[in-house]
């Protein structure tokens, strides 16, 4: 009976963005407010279980946080430190 419930993801979770928010001390509630959406909807975007971020949302996040869309949204699984280490 101890089977883990399979999580259906529509896209890869944005673990790098979540870690960055944590690093700078920004809560998901604050990001949700910036994007004018509910915390629940934002959480689904971040975890890949709901819809993806729109292009305008990605732009707003990147401009506000001063981050690169390539790094956090296009190829979030490739970290800069891993690339530099090789």
N, C-alpha and C. Protein backbone atom coordinates (compact mmCIF):
# COMPACT_ATOMS: atom_id res chain seq x y z
N UNK A 1 0.81 -1.21 0.00
CA UNK A 1 0.00 0.00 0.00
C UNK A 1 0.85 1.27 0.00
N UNK A 2 2.15 1.13 0.23
CA UNK A 2 3.00 2.31 0.33
C UNK A 2 3.43 2.87 -1.01
N UNK A 3 2.59 2.74 -2.03
CA UNK A 3 2.96 3.27 -3.35
C UNK A 3 2.86 4.79 -3.36
N UNK A 4 3.92 5.40 -3.91
CA UNK A 4 3.93 6.86 -4.00
C UNK A 4 3.03 7.28 -5.15
N UNK A 5 2.24 8.29 -4.91
CA UNK A 5 1.35 8.79 -5.96
C UNK A 5 2.20 9.44 -7.05
N UNK A 6 1.96 9.02 -8.27
CA UNK A 6 2.68 9.57 -9.41
C UNK A 6 2.22 10.99 -9.67
N UNK A 7 3.16 11.92 -9.70
CA UNK A 7 2.81 13.32 -9.97
C UNK A 7 2.85 13.53 -11.47
N UNK A 8 1.74 13.99 -12.00
CA UNK A 8 1.70 14.27 -13.44
C UNK A 8 2.22 15.68 -13.68
N UNK A 9 3.34 15.76 -14.38
CA UNK A 9 3.93 17.06 -14.68
C UNK A 9 3.71 17.40 -16.15
N UNK A 10 3.43 18.64 -16.40
CA UNK A 10 3.28 19.09 -17.79
C UNK A 10 4.61 19.59 -18.33
N UNK A 11 5.47 20.04 -17.46
CA UNK A 11 6.81 20.48 -17.86
C UNK A 11 7.73 20.29 -16.65
N UNK A 12 9.01 20.39 -16.88
CA UNK A 12 9.98 20.19 -15.80
C UNK A 12 9.79 21.27 -14.73
N UNK A 13 9.93 20.89 -13.47
CA UNK A 13 9.79 21.90 -12.41
C UNK A 13 10.95 22.90 -12.45
N UNK A 14 10.68 24.11 -12.04
CA UNK A 14 11.70 25.15 -12.04
C UNK A 14 12.43 25.16 -10.69
N UNK A 15 13.19 24.10 -10.44
CA UNK A 15 13.88 23.97 -9.16
C UNK A 15 14.92 25.06 -8.98
N UNK A 16 15.57 25.45 -10.06
CA UNK A 16 16.60 26.48 -9.98
C UNK A 16 15.99 27.83 -9.59
N UNK A 17 14.84 28.15 -10.17
CA UNK A 17 14.16 29.40 -9.83
C UNK A 17 13.68 29.35 -8.38
N UNK A 18 13.15 28.22 -7.95
CA UNK A 18 12.69 28.09 -6.56
C UNK A 18 13.87 28.27 -5.59
N UNK A 19 15.01 27.67 -5.93
CA UNK A 19 16.20 27.80 -5.08
C UNK A 19 16.68 29.25 -5.05
N UNK A 20 16.60 29.93 -6.19
CA UNK A 20 17.03 31.33 -6.27
C UNK A 20 16.12 32.22 -5.42
N UNK A 21 14.82 31.99 -5.51
CA UNK A 21 13.87 32.77 -4.70
C UNK A 21 14.21 32.61 -3.22
N UNK A 22 14.49 31.38 -2.84
CA UNK A 22 14.86 31.07 -1.46
C UNK A 22 16.14 31.83 -1.07
N UNK A 23 17.09 31.82 -1.99
CA UNK A 23 18.39 32.47 -1.77
C UNK A 23 18.25 33.98 -1.52
N UNK A 24 17.37 34.61 -2.30
CA UNK A 24 17.22 36.07 -2.18
C UNK A 24 16.14 36.45 -1.16
N UNK A 25 15.49 35.43 -0.58
CA UNK A 25 14.49 35.69 0.45
C UNK A 25 13.16 36.19 -0.09
N UNK A 26 12.84 35.84 -1.33
CA UNK A 26 11.54 36.22 -1.90
C UNK A 26 10.59 35.03 -1.76
N UNK A 27 9.42 35.27 -1.23
CA UNK A 27 8.46 34.17 -1.05
C UNK A 27 7.67 33.95 -2.33
N UNK A 28 7.07 32.76 -2.43
CA UNK A 28 6.20 32.48 -3.58
C UNK A 28 5.00 33.42 -3.56
N UNK A 29 4.56 33.79 -2.37
CA UNK A 29 3.43 34.73 -2.25
C UNK A 29 3.79 36.08 -2.87
N UNK A 30 5.03 36.54 -2.65
CA UNK A 30 5.46 37.83 -3.21
C UNK A 30 5.56 37.74 -4.73
N UNK A 31 6.08 36.62 -5.23
CA UNK A 31 6.19 36.44 -6.68
C UNK A 31 4.79 36.34 -7.30
N UNK A 32 3.89 35.64 -6.64
CA UNK A 32 2.52 35.51 -7.13
C UNK A 32 1.86 36.89 -7.23
N UNK A 33 2.11 37.73 -6.22
CA UNK A 33 1.55 39.09 -6.21
C UNK A 33 2.10 39.90 -7.38
N UNK A 34 3.41 39.78 -7.62
CA UNK A 34 4.05 40.47 -8.74
C UNK A 34 3.38 40.08 -10.07
N UNK A 35 3.08 38.79 -10.20
CA UNK A 35 2.50 38.28 -11.45
C UNK A 35 0.97 38.37 -11.46
N UNK A 36 0.41 38.88 -10.36
CA UNK A 36 -1.04 39.04 -10.26
C UNK A 36 -1.78 37.71 -10.43
N UNK A 37 -1.28 36.68 -9.72
CA UNK A 37 -1.94 35.38 -9.76
C UNK A 37 -1.95 34.79 -8.36
N UNK A 38 -2.71 33.74 -8.17
CA UNK A 38 -2.79 33.13 -6.84
C UNK A 38 -1.51 32.35 -6.54
N UNK A 39 -1.24 32.16 -5.25
CA UNK A 39 -0.07 31.36 -4.84
C UNK A 39 -0.21 29.95 -5.38
N UNK A 40 -1.43 29.44 -5.40
CA UNK A 40 -1.69 28.09 -5.89
C UNK A 40 -1.29 27.97 -7.37
N UNK A 41 -1.72 28.94 -8.18
CA UNK A 41 -1.40 28.92 -9.62
C UNK A 41 0.12 29.03 -9.83
N UNK A 42 0.76 29.92 -9.06
CA UNK A 42 2.21 30.08 -9.16
C UNK A 42 2.92 28.78 -8.78
N UNK A 43 2.46 28.15 -7.70
CA UNK A 43 3.07 26.91 -7.24
C UNK A 43 2.98 25.83 -8.32
N UNK A 44 1.85 25.77 -9.02
CA UNK A 44 1.71 24.81 -10.11
C UNK A 44 2.66 25.13 -11.26
N UNK A 45 2.84 26.42 -11.57
CA UNK A 45 3.81 26.82 -12.61
C UNK A 45 5.21 26.36 -12.22
N UNK A 46 5.59 26.64 -10.97
CA UNK A 46 6.94 26.32 -10.50
C UNK A 46 7.20 24.81 -10.46
N UNK A 47 6.19 24.04 -10.08
CA UNK A 47 6.36 22.60 -9.93
C UNK A 47 6.09 21.81 -11.20
N UNK A 48 5.61 22.49 -12.24
CA UNK A 48 5.38 21.81 -13.51
C UNK A 48 4.09 21.02 -13.54
N UNK A 49 3.23 21.19 -12.53
CA UNK A 49 1.99 20.42 -12.48
C UNK A 49 0.82 21.16 -13.11
N UNK A 50 0.98 22.45 -13.34
CA UNK A 50 -0.07 23.24 -13.99
C UNK A 50 0.44 23.78 -15.30
N UNK A 51 -0.12 24.88 -15.73
CA UNK A 51 0.34 25.50 -16.96
C UNK A 51 1.74 26.07 -16.77
N UNK A 52 2.36 26.43 -17.88
CA UNK A 52 3.68 27.04 -17.82
C UNK A 52 3.53 28.55 -17.70
N UNK A 53 4.63 29.22 -17.38
CA UNK A 53 4.61 30.68 -17.34
C UNK A 53 4.41 31.22 -18.75
N UNK A 54 3.71 32.34 -18.86
CA UNK A 54 3.58 32.99 -20.17
C UNK A 54 4.87 33.76 -20.44
N UNK A 55 5.06 34.13 -21.69
CA UNK A 55 6.26 34.88 -22.07
C UNK A 55 6.34 36.20 -21.30
N UNK A 56 5.20 36.87 -21.15
CA UNK A 56 5.21 38.15 -20.43
C UNK A 56 5.54 37.95 -18.96
N UNK A 57 5.11 36.82 -18.38
CA UNK A 57 5.46 36.52 -16.98
C UNK A 57 6.95 36.26 -16.84
N UNK A 58 7.51 35.50 -17.79
CA UNK A 58 8.95 35.22 -17.77
C UNK A 58 9.73 36.53 -17.86
N UNK A 59 9.30 37.41 -18.77
CA UNK A 59 9.97 38.73 -18.92
C UNK A 59 9.92 39.51 -17.62
N UNK A 60 8.74 39.56 -17.00
CA UNK A 60 8.56 40.31 -15.76
C UNK A 60 9.43 39.74 -14.63
N UNK A 61 9.45 38.42 -14.52
CA UNK A 61 10.28 37.77 -13.49
C UNK A 61 11.76 38.11 -13.72
N UNK A 62 12.21 37.97 -14.96
CA UNK A 62 13.62 38.21 -15.29
C UNK A 62 14.01 39.66 -15.07
N UNK A 63 13.15 40.59 -15.47
CA UNK A 63 13.45 42.02 -15.29
C UNK A 63 13.46 42.37 -13.80
N UNK A 64 12.49 41.87 -13.05
CA UNK A 64 12.38 42.22 -11.63
C UNK A 64 13.52 41.63 -10.82
N UNK A 65 13.87 40.36 -11.12
CA UNK A 65 14.90 39.69 -10.34
C UNK A 65 16.30 39.86 -10.92
N UNK A 66 16.37 40.41 -12.14
CA UNK A 66 17.67 40.61 -12.79
C UNK A 66 18.33 39.28 -13.15
N UNK A 67 17.52 38.34 -13.63
CA UNK A 67 18.05 37.02 -14.00
C UNK A 67 17.86 36.75 -15.48
N UNK A 68 18.53 35.72 -15.97
CA UNK A 68 18.48 35.37 -17.39
C UNK A 68 17.42 34.31 -17.68
N UNK A 69 16.59 34.58 -18.68
CA UNK A 69 15.56 33.62 -19.07
C UNK A 69 16.20 32.31 -19.55
N UNK A 70 17.32 32.43 -20.27
CA UNK A 70 18.02 31.23 -20.75
C UNK A 70 18.40 30.33 -19.58
N UNK A 71 18.95 30.95 -18.56
CA UNK A 71 19.47 30.18 -17.43
C UNK A 71 18.37 29.58 -16.55
N UNK A 72 17.30 30.33 -16.33
CA UNK A 72 16.28 29.88 -15.38
C UNK A 72 15.06 29.23 -16.03
N UNK A 73 14.81 29.49 -17.32
CA UNK A 73 13.60 28.95 -17.95
C UNK A 73 13.88 28.04 -19.14
N UNK A 74 14.85 28.38 -19.97
CA UNK A 74 15.11 27.59 -21.17
C UNK A 74 15.88 26.32 -20.83
N UNK A 75 16.99 26.46 -20.09
CA UNK A 75 17.81 25.31 -19.70
C UNK A 75 18.07 25.31 -18.21
N UNK A 76 17.00 25.19 -17.40
CA UNK A 76 17.19 25.31 -15.95
C UNK A 76 17.99 24.17 -15.33
N UNK A 77 18.11 23.06 -16.07
CA UNK A 77 18.83 21.91 -15.50
C UNK A 77 20.34 22.04 -15.65
N UNK A 78 20.81 23.00 -16.45
CA UNK A 78 22.25 23.17 -16.62
C UNK A 78 22.69 24.39 -15.81
N UNK A 79 23.35 24.14 -14.71
CA UNK A 79 23.75 25.26 -13.87
C UNK A 79 25.07 25.82 -14.36
N UNK A 80 25.25 27.11 -14.16
CA UNK A 80 26.47 27.80 -14.57
C UNK A 80 27.70 27.17 -13.89
N UNK A 81 27.57 26.80 -12.63
CA UNK A 81 28.71 26.25 -11.90
C UNK A 81 29.15 24.92 -12.52
N UNK A 82 28.19 24.12 -12.95
CA UNK A 82 28.54 22.85 -13.60
C UNK A 82 29.27 23.10 -14.92
N UNK A 83 28.81 24.10 -15.68
CA UNK A 83 29.45 24.41 -16.95
C UNK A 83 30.88 24.92 -16.72
N UNK A 84 31.05 25.77 -15.73
CA UNK A 84 32.35 26.36 -15.46
C UNK A 84 33.35 25.32 -14.92
N UNK A 85 32.82 24.31 -14.24
CA UNK A 85 33.68 23.30 -13.60
C UNK A 85 34.37 22.38 -14.61
N UNK A 86 33.77 22.25 -15.79
CA UNK A 86 34.33 21.28 -16.75
C UNK A 86 35.59 21.77 -17.43
